[in-house]
């Protein structure tokens, strides 16, 4: 379980991270990262929509993602906010697959060399566009 200080509870920061942060996706997840959020400690939030499945499945996916995030929160910059969005394919993915996808997307975000799409889907002058 994530510590209370590492849980993203501010809807304002949540929205800002999804709209303005960098993003990297895999087959099962999309991660949004805002490294300059101005929070005292790194924080993590989750989006698991009804498209993932019924409530039992969504809760299982959230538990897996919280566990994965707890192990990786120390690799985030101190004032960063990370939002983890589960895609429908995450419902059928194993814990190991989710972990590999999480690590791959997070390393791309932290490396900063992979281009990302703007939240509008078009070219954004502050971000590169992914192919």
N, C-alpha and C. Protein backbone atom coordinates (compact mmCIF):
# COMPACT_ATOMS: atom_id res chain seq x y z
N UNK A 1 0.84 -1.18 0.00
CA UNK A 1 0.00 0.00 0.00
C UNK A 1 0.89 1.25 0.00
N UNK A 2 0.50 2.23 -0.75
CA UNK A 2 1.22 3.51 -0.75
C UNK A 2 1.02 4.22 0.58
N UNK A 3 2.05 4.92 1.03
CA UNK A 3 1.89 5.71 2.25
C UNK A 3 0.96 6.88 1.97
N UNK A 4 0.38 7.39 3.00
CA UNK A 4 -0.57 8.51 2.85
C UNK A 4 0.07 9.69 2.13
N UNK A 5 1.33 9.98 2.45
CA UNK A 5 2.03 11.11 1.83
C UNK A 5 2.26 10.91 0.34
N UNK A 6 2.26 9.66 -0.11
CA UNK A 6 2.50 9.37 -1.53
C UNK A 6 1.22 9.20 -2.34
N UNK A 7 0.07 9.34 -1.71
CA UNK A 7 -1.20 9.20 -2.43
C UNK A 7 -1.61 10.54 -3.01
N UNK A 8 -2.01 10.53 -4.25
CA UNK A 8 -2.49 11.74 -4.91
C UNK A 8 -3.95 11.94 -4.54
N UNK A 9 -4.24 13.00 -3.79
CA UNK A 9 -5.60 13.26 -3.34
C UNK A 9 -6.16 14.57 -3.89
N UNK A 10 -5.33 15.37 -4.52
CA UNK A 10 -5.77 16.66 -5.04
C UNK A 10 -6.30 16.51 -6.47
N UNK A 11 -7.56 16.84 -6.67
CA UNK A 11 -8.13 16.75 -8.02
C UNK A 11 -7.47 17.76 -8.96
N UNK A 12 -7.02 18.90 -8.41
CA UNK A 12 -6.35 19.91 -9.22
C UNK A 12 -5.03 19.36 -9.76
N UNK A 13 -4.23 18.72 -8.91
CA UNK A 13 -2.97 18.13 -9.36
C UNK A 13 -3.20 16.96 -10.31
N UNK A 14 -4.24 16.21 -10.03
CA UNK A 14 -4.60 15.07 -10.88
C UNK A 14 -4.88 15.56 -12.30
N UNK A 15 -5.76 16.55 -12.42
CA UNK A 15 -6.12 17.09 -13.73
C UNK A 15 -4.92 17.72 -14.42
N UNK A 16 -4.13 18.47 -13.68
CA UNK A 16 -2.97 19.14 -14.26
C UNK A 16 -1.98 18.11 -14.82
N UNK A 17 -1.76 17.03 -14.08
CA UNK A 17 -0.81 16.01 -14.52
C UNK A 17 -1.28 15.33 -15.80
N UNK A 18 -2.56 14.99 -15.86
CA UNK A 18 -3.09 14.32 -17.04
C UNK A 18 -3.07 15.26 -18.24
N UNK A 19 -3.37 16.52 -18.03
CA UNK A 19 -3.46 17.48 -19.14
C UNK A 19 -2.11 18.01 -19.60
N UNK A 20 -1.21 18.28 -18.64
CA UNK A 20 0.03 18.97 -18.99
C UNK A 20 1.28 18.13 -18.84
N UNK A 21 1.18 17.00 -18.16
CA UNK A 21 2.36 16.18 -17.93
C UNK A 21 2.78 15.38 -19.15
N UNK A 22 3.98 14.84 -19.08
CA UNK A 22 4.46 13.94 -20.14
C UNK A 22 3.72 12.63 -20.00
N UNK A 23 3.60 11.90 -21.11
CA UNK A 23 2.93 10.61 -21.02
C UNK A 23 3.64 9.57 -21.86
N UNK A 24 3.55 8.34 -21.36
CA UNK A 24 4.11 7.20 -22.08
C UNK A 24 3.16 6.03 -21.88
N UNK A 25 2.93 5.29 -22.94
CA UNK A 25 1.96 4.21 -22.86
C UNK A 25 2.53 2.88 -23.30
N UNK A 26 1.87 1.84 -22.84
CA UNK A 26 2.17 0.47 -23.25
C UNK A 26 0.84 -0.18 -23.61
N UNK A 27 0.87 -1.48 -23.80
CA UNK A 27 -0.35 -2.20 -24.17
C UNK A 27 -1.38 -2.19 -23.03
N UNK A 28 -0.92 -2.12 -21.78
CA UNK A 28 -1.84 -2.23 -20.65
C UNK A 28 -1.99 -0.95 -19.83
N UNK A 29 -1.06 0.00 -19.96
CA UNK A 29 -1.06 1.19 -19.11
C UNK A 29 -0.68 2.45 -19.87
N UNK A 30 -1.11 3.57 -19.34
CA UNK A 30 -0.60 4.87 -19.77
C UNK A 30 -0.19 5.60 -18.50
N UNK A 31 1.05 6.09 -18.47
CA UNK A 31 1.54 6.85 -17.32
C UNK A 31 1.67 8.31 -17.69
N UNK A 32 1.21 9.18 -16.81
CA UNK A 32 1.33 10.63 -16.97
C UNK A 32 2.22 11.13 -15.85
N UNK A 33 3.22 11.94 -16.17
CA UNK A 33 4.18 12.41 -15.17
C UNK A 33 4.35 13.92 -15.26
N UNK A 34 4.23 14.57 -14.11
CA UNK A 34 4.50 16.01 -13.98
C UNK A 34 5.62 16.14 -12.96
N UNK A 35 6.83 16.44 -13.41
CA UNK A 35 7.97 16.47 -12.50
C UNK A 35 8.05 17.76 -11.69
N UNK A 36 7.36 18.80 -12.11
CA UNK A 36 7.41 20.08 -11.40
C UNK A 36 6.09 20.41 -10.73
N UNK A 37 5.49 19.45 -10.07
CA UNK A 37 4.18 19.65 -9.47
C UNK A 37 4.23 20.47 -8.19
N UNK A 38 5.42 20.57 -7.57
CA UNK A 38 5.56 21.37 -6.37
C UNK A 38 5.01 20.71 -5.11
N UNK A 39 4.93 19.40 -5.10
CA UNK A 39 4.49 18.69 -3.90
C UNK A 39 5.72 18.32 -3.07
N UNK A 40 5.56 18.18 -1.76
CA UNK A 40 6.73 17.89 -0.92
C UNK A 40 7.32 16.49 -1.15
N UNK A 41 6.50 15.53 -1.53
CA UNK A 41 6.96 14.17 -1.82
C UNK A 41 6.27 13.70 -3.09
N UNK A 42 6.90 12.74 -3.76
CA UNK A 42 6.30 12.18 -4.97
C UNK A 42 4.93 11.58 -4.64
N UNK A 43 3.95 11.80 -5.51
CA UNK A 43 2.60 11.29 -5.29
C UNK A 43 2.13 10.51 -6.52
N UNK A 44 1.27 9.51 -6.27
CA UNK A 44 0.78 8.64 -7.33
C UNK A 44 -0.73 8.53 -7.24
N UNK A 45 -1.41 8.63 -8.39
CA UNK A 45 -2.86 8.47 -8.48
C UNK A 45 -3.20 7.48 -9.58
N UNK A 46 -4.44 6.98 -9.58
CA UNK A 46 -4.83 5.93 -10.50
C UNK A 46 -6.15 6.23 -11.19
N UNK A 47 -6.28 5.76 -12.44
CA UNK A 47 -7.52 5.82 -13.19
C UNK A 47 -7.78 4.41 -13.71
N UNK A 48 -8.87 3.82 -13.26
CA UNK A 48 -9.27 2.50 -13.74
C UNK A 48 -10.75 2.62 -14.07
N UNK A 49 -11.06 2.79 -15.36
CA UNK A 49 -12.43 3.06 -15.78
C UNK A 49 -13.25 1.78 -15.88
N UNK A 50 -14.54 1.94 -16.08
CA UNK A 50 -15.44 0.80 -16.24
C UNK A 50 -15.13 -0.02 -17.49
N UNK A 51 -14.39 0.55 -18.42
CA UNK A 51 -14.00 -0.19 -19.61
C UNK A 51 -13.06 -1.35 -19.27
N UNK A 52 -12.40 -1.26 -18.12
CA UNK A 52 -11.49 -2.33 -17.69
C UNK A 52 -12.27 -3.58 -17.31
N UNK A 53 -13.47 -3.40 -16.78
CA UNK A 53 -14.29 -4.55 -16.40
C UNK A 53 -15.20 -4.24 -15.24
N UNK A 54 -15.83 -5.27 -14.68
CA UNK A 54 -16.71 -5.05 -13.53
C UNK A 54 -15.90 -4.63 -12.30
N UNK A 55 -16.59 -4.25 -11.25
CA UNK A 55 -15.96 -3.69 -10.05
C UNK A 55 -14.88 -4.60 -9.47
N UNK A 56 -15.14 -5.89 -9.42
CA UNK A 56 -14.16 -6.82 -8.86
C UNK A 56 -12.86 -6.78 -9.66
N UNK A 57 -12.97 -6.75 -10.96
CA UNK A 57 -11.80 -6.70 -11.83
C UNK A 57 -11.07 -5.37 -11.68
N UNK A 58 -11.82 -4.28 -11.68
CA UNK A 58 -11.21 -2.95 -11.52
C UNK A 58 -10.46 -2.86 -10.21
N UNK A 59 -11.03 -3.36 -9.14
CA UNK A 59 -10.37 -3.30 -7.84
C UNK A 59 -9.12 -4.16 -7.81
N UNK A 60 -9.15 -5.29 -8.47
CA UNK A 60 -7.97 -6.15 -8.55
C UNK A 60 -6.85 -5.44 -9.31
N UNK A 61 -7.20 -4.79 -10.41
CA UNK A 61 -6.20 -4.04 -11.18
C UNK A 61 -5.64 -2.91 -10.33
N UNK A 62 -6.50 -2.18 -9.61
CA UNK A 62 -6.01 -1.08 -8.75
C UNK A 62 -5.06 -1.59 -7.67
N UNK A 63 -5.40 -2.72 -7.06
CA UNK A 63 -4.52 -3.28 -6.03
C UNK A 63 -3.15 -3.62 -6.61
N UNK A 64 -3.14 -4.22 -7.79
CA UNK A 64 -1.86 -4.56 -8.44
C UNK A 64 -1.07 -3.30 -8.75
N UNK A 65 -1.73 -2.28 -9.27
CA UNK A 65 -1.04 -1.04 -9.62
C UNK A 65 -0.52 -0.31 -8.39
N UNK A 66 -1.29 -0.32 -7.30
CA UNK A 66 -0.80 0.30 -6.05
C UNK A 66 0.45 -0.41 -5.55
N UNK A 67 0.43 -1.73 -5.62
CA UNK A 67 1.59 -2.50 -5.18
C UNK A 67 2.81 -2.18 -6.03
N UNK A 68 2.63 -2.15 -7.35
CA UNK A 68 3.73 -1.82 -8.25
C UNK A 68 4.24 -0.41 -8.01
N UNK A 69 3.34 0.52 -7.76
CA UNK A 69 3.72 1.92 -7.54
C UNK A 69 4.50 2.08 -6.24
N UNK A 70 4.08 1.37 -5.21
CA UNK A 70 4.76 1.47 -3.92
C UNK A 70 6.23 1.08 -4.07
N UNK A 71 6.49 0.06 -4.88
CA UNK A 71 7.87 -0.40 -5.08
C UNK A 71 8.69 0.58 -5.91
N UNK A 72 8.04 1.45 -6.67
CA UNK A 72 8.76 2.31 -7.61
C UNK A 72 8.69 3.80 -7.27
N UNK A 73 7.97 4.17 -6.25
CA UNK A 73 7.80 5.59 -5.93
C UNK A 73 9.13 6.25 -5.57
N UNK A 74 10.08 5.50 -5.06
CA UNK A 74 11.38 6.09 -4.71
C UNK A 74 12.19 6.49 -5.94
N UNK A 75 11.85 5.95 -7.11
CA UNK A 75 12.58 6.31 -8.33
C UNK A 75 12.05 7.60 -8.95
N UNK A 76 10.96 8.14 -8.42
CA UNK A 76 10.40 9.38 -8.95
C UNK A 76 11.12 10.58 -8.36
N UNK A 77 11.24 11.67 -9.13
CA UNK A 77 11.80 12.90 -8.56
C UNK A 77 10.96 13.35 -7.36
N UNK A 78 11.56 14.04 -6.42
CA UNK A 78 10.92 14.39 -5.16
C UNK A 78 9.60 15.12 -5.25
N UNK A 79 9.43 16.00 -6.24
CA UNK A 79 8.19 16.78 -6.33
C UNK A 79 7.31 16.34 -7.49
N UNK A 80 7.43 15.10 -7.90
CA UNK A 80 6.71 14.61 -9.07
C UNK A 80 5.33 14.07 -8.71
N UNK A 81 4.42 14.16 -9.68
CA UNK A 81 3.11 13.53 -9.58
C UNK A 81 2.98 12.57 -10.75
N UNK A 82 2.61 11.32 -10.45
CA UNK A 82 2.44 10.29 -11.45
C UNK A 82 1.00 9.81 -11.43
N UNK A 83 0.35 9.80 -12.60
CA UNK A 83 -0.99 9.25 -12.72
C UNK A 83 -0.89 8.02 -13.60
N UNK A 84 -1.40 6.90 -13.09
CA UNK A 84 -1.35 5.62 -13.80
C UNK A 84 -2.76 5.32 -14.30
N UNK A 85 -2.91 5.22 -15.62
CA UNK A 85 -4.21 4.93 -16.22
C UNK A 85 -4.19 3.51 -16.78
N UNK A 86 -5.09 2.68 -16.28
CA UNK A 86 -5.18 1.29 -16.75
C UNK A 86 -6.02 1.23 -18.01
N UNK A 87 -5.54 0.50 -19.00
CA UNK A 87 -6.28 0.27 -20.22
C UNK A 87 -7.06 -1.04 -20.09
N UNK A 88 -8.08 -1.26 -20.91
CA UNK A 88 -8.88 -2.49 -20.79
C UNK A 88 -8.07 -3.77 -20.81
N UNK A 89 -6.96 -3.81 -21.53
CA UNK A 89 -6.15 -5.02 -21.58
C UNK A 89 -5.45 -5.33 -20.26
N UNK A 90 -5.43 -4.38 -19.33
CA UNK A 90 -4.81 -4.62 -18.03
C UNK A 90 -5.61 -5.64 -17.21
N UNK A 91 -6.88 -5.81 -17.51
CA UNK A 91 -7.72 -6.75 -16.77
C UNK A 91 -7.24 -8.18 -16.94
N UNK A 92 -6.74 -8.51 -18.13
CA UNK A 92 -6.30 -9.88 -18.42
C UNK A 92 -4.80 -10.07 -18.26
N UNK A 93 -4.08 -9.00 -17.95
CA UNK A 93 -2.63 -9.08 -17.84
C UNK A 93 -2.20 -9.66 -16.50
N UNK A 94 -1.12 -10.40 -16.52
CA UNK A 94 -0.58 -10.94 -15.27
C UNK A 94 0.12 -9.82 -14.50
N UNK A 95 0.41 -10.10 -13.25
CA UNK A 95 1.12 -9.13 -12.41
C UNK A 95 2.49 -8.83 -13.03
N UNK A 96 3.15 -9.85 -13.53
CA UNK A 96 4.46 -9.66 -14.15
C UNK A 96 4.38 -8.78 -15.40
N UNK A 97 3.35 -8.98 -16.20
CA UNK A 97 3.17 -8.17 -17.41
C UNK A 97 2.92 -6.71 -17.04
N UNK A 98 2.05 -6.50 -16.05
CA UNK A 98 1.80 -5.13 -15.60
C UNK A 98 3.09 -4.49 -15.08
N UNK A 99 3.86 -5.26 -14.33
CA UNK A 99 5.13 -4.75 -13.80
C UNK A 99 6.10 -4.37 -14.90
N UNK A 100 6.21 -5.23 -15.90
CA UNK A 100 7.11 -4.93 -17.03
C UNK A 100 6.65 -3.70 -17.80
N UNK A 101 5.33 -3.61 -18.05
CA UNK A 101 4.80 -2.45 -18.76
C UNK A 101 4.99 -1.17 -17.95
N UNK A 102 4.77 -1.26 -16.65
CA UNK A 102 4.95 -0.11 -15.75
C UNK A 102 6.41 0.36 -15.82
N UNK A 103 7.34 -0.58 -15.67
CA UNK A 103 8.77 -0.24 -15.69
C UNK A 103 9.17 0.38 -17.03
N UNK A 104 8.68 -0.20 -18.11
CA UNK A 104 9.03 0.30 -19.44
C UNK A 104 8.53 1.74 -19.64
N UNK A 105 7.27 1.99 -19.31
CA UNK A 105 6.71 3.34 -19.48
C UNK A 105 7.39 4.34 -18.54
N UNK A 106 7.63 3.93 -17.30
CA UNK A 106 8.26 4.83 -16.34
C UNK A 106 9.69 5.17 -16.75
N UNK A 107 10.42 4.19 -17.24
CA UNK A 107 11.80 4.48 -17.66
C UNK A 107 11.80 5.44 -18.85
N UNK A 108 10.83 5.30 -19.75
CA UNK A 108 10.74 6.24 -20.87
C UNK A 108 10.45 7.65 -20.37
N UNK A 109 9.57 7.78 -19.40
CA UNK A 109 9.24 9.10 -18.86
C UNK A 109 10.43 9.72 -18.12
N UNK A 110 11.09 8.94 -17.31
CA UNK A 110 12.20 9.47 -16.52
C UNK A 110 13.42 9.77 -17.38
N UNK A 111 13.60 8.98 -18.43
CA UNK A 111 14.71 9.21 -19.35
C UNK A 111 14.47 10.50 -20.13
N UNK A 112 13.22 10.76 -20.44
CA UNK A 112 12.87 12.00 -21.13
C UNK A 112 13.27 12.05 -22.58
N UNK A 113 13.77 10.94 -23.12
CA UNK A 113 14.21 10.99 -24.51
C UNK A 113 13.13 10.56 -25.48
N UNK A 114 12.16 9.79 -25.00
CA UNK A 114 11.08 9.37 -25.89
C UNK A 114 10.09 10.50 -26.04
N UNK A 115 9.68 10.81 -27.24
CA UNK A 115 8.69 11.86 -27.44
C UNK A 115 7.32 11.41 -26.95
N UNK A 116 6.50 12.38 -26.61
CA UNK A 116 5.15 12.11 -26.14
C UNK A 116 4.14 12.94 -26.91
N UNK A 117 2.89 12.51 -26.86
CA UNK A 117 1.81 13.26 -27.50
C UNK A 117 1.29 14.31 -26.54
N UNK A 118 0.81 15.41 -27.05
CA UNK A 118 0.13 16.37 -26.21
C UNK A 118 -1.25 15.80 -25.87
N UNK A 119 -1.87 16.33 -24.85
CA UNK A 119 -3.17 15.82 -24.44
C UNK A 119 -4.24 16.06 -25.49
N UNK A 120 -4.01 17.01 -26.39
CA UNK A 120 -4.99 17.27 -27.45
C UNK A 120 -4.81 16.33 -28.63
N UNK A 121 -3.72 15.53 -28.62
CA UNK A 121 -3.50 14.59 -29.70
C UNK A 121 -2.72 15.19 -30.86
N UNK A 122 -2.56 16.48 -30.89
CA UNK A 122 -1.82 17.12 -31.97
C UNK A 122 -0.44 17.52 -31.52
N UNK A 123 0.27 18.24 -32.39
CA UNK A 123 1.61 18.68 -32.05
C UNK A 123 1.52 19.81 -31.03
N UNK A 124 2.33 19.69 -30.01
CA UNK A 124 2.38 20.69 -28.95
C UNK A 124 3.78 21.28 -28.94
N UNK A 125 3.88 22.57 -28.87
CA UNK A 125 5.19 23.21 -28.96
C UNK A 125 6.10 22.88 -27.80
N UNK A 126 5.56 22.45 -26.66
CA UNK A 126 6.38 22.14 -25.50
C UNK A 126 6.76 20.68 -25.42
N UNK A 127 6.18 19.83 -26.28
CA UNK A 127 6.45 18.41 -26.24
C UNK A 127 6.65 17.88 -27.65
N UNK A 128 7.43 16.81 -27.74
CA UNK A 128 7.60 16.15 -29.02
C UNK A 128 6.42 15.23 -29.26
N UNK A 129 6.25 14.79 -30.51
CA UNK A 129 5.14 13.93 -30.84
C UNK A 129 5.65 12.51 -31.05
N UNK A 130 4.97 11.55 -30.44
CA UNK A 130 5.33 10.15 -30.56
C UNK A 130 4.77 9.58 -31.86
N UNK A 131 5.45 8.58 -32.39
CA UNK A 131 4.94 7.95 -33.61
C UNK A 131 4.02 6.81 -33.29
